[in-house]
C-alpha atoms as a PDB file:
ATOM      1  CA  UNK A   1     117.521 124.879  51.580  1.00  0.00           C
ATOM      2  CA  UNK A   2     115.644 127.696  49.859  1.00  0.00           C
ATOM      3  CA  UNK A   3     113.135 129.704  51.888  1.00  0.00           C
ATOM      4  CA  UNK A   4     109.900 129.899  49.897  1.00  0.00           C
ATOM      5  CA  UNK A   5     108.082 132.008  52.483  1.00  0.00           C
ATOM      6  CA  UNK A   6     105.619 129.200  53.204  1.00  0.00           C
ATOM      7  CA  UNK A   7     105.335 127.662  56.640  1.00  0.00           C
ATOM      8  CA  UNK A   8     106.369 124.041  56.810  1.00  0.00           C
ATOM      9  CA  UNK A   9     103.662 121.468  57.466  1.00  0.00           C
ATOM     10  CA  UNK A  10     104.006 119.060  60.333  1.00  0.00           C
ATOM     11  CA  UNK A  11     104.770 115.661  58.814  1.00  0.00           C
ATOM     12  CA  UNK A  12     102.205 112.979  59.585  1.00  0.00           C
ATOM     13  CA  UNK A  13     100.439 114.914  62.335  1.00  0.00           C
ATOM     14  CA  UNK A  14      97.928 112.616  64.035  1.00  0.00           C
ATOM     15  CA  UNK A  15      95.019 115.008  63.316  1.00  0.00           C
ATOM     16  CA  UNK A  16      96.006 115.995  59.783  1.00  0.00           C
ATOM     17  CA  UNK A  17      92.870 115.929  57.633  1.00  0.00           C
ATOM     18  CA  UNK A  18      90.503 116.115  60.608  1.00  0.00           C
ATOM     19  CA  UNK A  19      87.767 118.748  60.751  1.00  0.00           C
ATOM     20  CA  UNK A  20      88.454 121.048  63.701  1.00  0.00           C
ATOM     21  CA  UNK A  21      87.636 124.427  65.145  1.00  0.00           C
ATOM     22  CA  UNK A  22      89.476 126.769  67.482  1.00  0.00           C
ATOM     23  CA  UNK A  23      89.270 130.463  68.235  1.00  0.00           C
ATOM     24  CA  UNK A  24      89.261 132.174  64.847  1.00  0.00           C
ATOM     25  CA  UNK A  25      91.862 134.646  63.659  1.00  0.00           C
ATOM     26  CA  UNK A  26      89.050 137.217  63.531  1.00  0.00           C
ATOM     27  CA  UNK A  27      88.169 136.588  67.199  1.00  0.00           C
ATOM     28  CA  UNK A  28      91.851 136.729  68.162  1.00  0.00           C
ATOM     29  CA  UNK A  29      92.176 140.127  66.491  1.00  0.00           C
ATOM     30  CA  UNK A  30      89.057 141.381  68.274  1.00  0.00           C
ATOM     31  CA  UNK A  31      90.448 140.168  71.630  1.00  0.00           C
ATOM     32  CA  UNK A  32      93.923 141.614  71.051  1.00  0.00           C
ATOM     33  CA  UNK A  33      93.261 144.784  73.127  1.00  0.00           C
ATOM     34  CA  UNK A  34      92.575 142.476  76.104  1.00  0.00           C
ATOM     35  CA  UNK A  35      96.202 141.285  76.020  1.00  0.00           C
ATOM     36  CA  UNK A  36      97.340 144.489  77.708  1.00  0.00           C
ATOM     37  CA  UNK A  37     100.106 145.156  75.207  1.00  0.00           C
ATOM     38  CA  UNK A  38     100.995 141.501  74.760  1.00  0.00           C
ATOM     39  CA  UNK A  39     101.539 140.039  71.344  1.00  0.00           C
ATOM     40  CA  UNK A  40     100.345 136.792  69.801  1.00  0.00           C
ATOM     41  CA  UNK A  41     103.259 134.582  68.766  1.00  0.00           C
ATOM     42  CA  UNK A  42     100.967 132.644  66.424  1.00  0.00           C
ATOM     43  CA  UNK A  43      97.272 132.278  65.684  1.00  0.00           C
ATOM     44  CA  UNK A  44      95.808 128.854  66.541  1.00  0.00           C
ATOM     45  CA  UNK A  45      93.552 128.815  63.454  1.00  0.00           C
ATOM     46  CA  UNK A  46      96.499 129.391  61.136  1.00  0.00           C
ATOM     47  CA  UNK A  47      98.703 126.908  63.001  1.00  0.00           C
ATOM     48  CA  UNK A  48      96.093 124.152  62.721  1.00  0.00           C
ATOM     49  CA  UNK A  49      95.562 124.841  59.037  1.00  0.00           C
ATOM     50  CA  UNK A  50      99.303 124.725  58.411  1.00  0.00           C
ATOM     51  CA  UNK A  51      99.460 121.415  60.267  1.00  0.00           C
ATOM     52  CA  UNK A  52      96.887 119.923  57.895  1.00  0.00           C
ATOM     53  CA  UNK A  53      93.612 120.316  59.801  1.00  0.00           C
ATOM     54  CA  UNK A  54      90.400 121.281  58.004  1.00  0.00           C
ATOM     55  CA  UNK A  55      89.377 124.387  59.943  1.00  0.00           C
ATOM     56  CA  UNK A  56      85.697 125.248  60.302  1.00  0.00           C
ATOM     57  CA  UNK A  57      84.401 128.526  61.735  1.00  0.00           C
ATOM     58  CA  UNK A  58      81.032 129.819  62.880  1.00  0.00           C
ATOM     59  CA  UNK A  59      79.328 132.534  60.827  1.00  0.00           C
ATOM     60  CA  UNK A  60      79.244 135.137  63.618  1.00  0.00           C
ATOM     61  CA  UNK A  61      82.223 135.757  65.927  1.00  0.00           C
ATOM     62  CA  UNK A  62      81.895 134.705  69.567  1.00  0.00           C
ATOM     63  CA  UNK A  63      78.940 132.374  68.967  1.00  0.00           C
ATOM     64  CA  UNK A  64      79.037 128.673  69.756  1.00  0.00           C
ATOM     65  CA  UNK A  65      80.605 126.271  67.293  1.00  0.00           C
ATOM     66  CA  UNK A  66      81.399 122.634  68.041  1.00  0.00           C
ATOM     67  CA  UNK A  67      83.065 120.366  65.505  1.00  0.00           C
ATOM     68  CA  UNK A  68      83.283 116.598  65.961  1.00  0.00           C
ATOM     69  CA  UNK A  69      85.415 114.398  63.739  1.00  0.00           C
ATOM     70  CA  UNK A  70      85.917 110.811  64.808  1.00  0.00           C
ATOM     71  CA  UNK A  71      87.221 110.893  68.403  1.00  0.00           C
ATOM     72  CA  UNK A  72      88.151 114.598  68.351  1.00  0.00           C
ATOM     73  CA  UNK A  73      85.759 117.165  69.857  1.00  0.00           C
ATOM     74  CA  UNK A  74      86.703 120.828  69.426  1.00  0.00           C
ATOM     75  CA  UNK A  75      85.016 124.081  70.415  1.00  0.00           C
ATOM     76  CA  UNK A  76      85.724 127.456  68.858  1.00  0.00           C
ATOM     77  CA  UNK A  77      85.471 129.781  71.848  1.00  0.00           C
ATOM     78  CA  UNK A  78      84.023 130.058  75.382  1.00  0.00           C
ATOM     79  CA  UNK A  79      80.474 130.129  73.970  1.00  0.00           C
ATOM     80  CA  UNK A  80      81.118 126.564  72.754  1.00  0.00           C
ATOM     81  CA  UNK A  81      81.846 125.125  76.223  1.00  0.00           C
ATOM     82  CA  UNK A  82      78.347 123.761  76.870  1.00  0.00           C
ATOM     83  CA  UNK A  83      78.199 122.105  73.453  1.00  0.00           C
ATOM     84  CA  UNK A  84      81.610 120.496  73.930  1.00  0.00           C
ATOM     85  CA  UNK A  85      80.553 119.239  77.375  1.00  0.00           C
ATOM     86  CA  UNK A  86      77.316 117.774  76.005  1.00  0.00           C
ATOM     87  CA  UNK A  87      79.173 115.998  73.211  1.00  0.00           C
ATOM     88  CA  UNK A  88      81.715 114.590  75.624  1.00  0.00           C
ATOM     89  CA  UNK A  89      79.080 113.440  78.130  1.00  0.00           C
ATOM     90  CA  UNK A  90      77.114 111.817  75.327  1.00  0.00           C
ATOM     91  CA  UNK A  91      80.157 109.741  74.417  1.00  0.00           C
ATOM     92  CA  UNK A  92      80.729 108.659  78.001  1.00  0.00           C
ATOM     93  CA  UNK A  93      77.275 107.047  78.319  1.00  0.00           C
END
């Protein structure tokens, strides 16, 4: 099998095609000094995109961003926690 340098996509991933958010690559890079010398093995944004998700980011790093697509509720970063909780509670009513 020839290596084309492209990451393989997960076949038939349950959330392929869904709109999602997760901590952005930009936010990960900004937080890197907090790892205390640790190293990221992968970036969640890139991994989700490679798996077929439609990634959506906020316009300013570290601000709230909640994305809802069908039954999936995702938040970009800690600032999104209240919005995710509200969305979840609204669905439980």
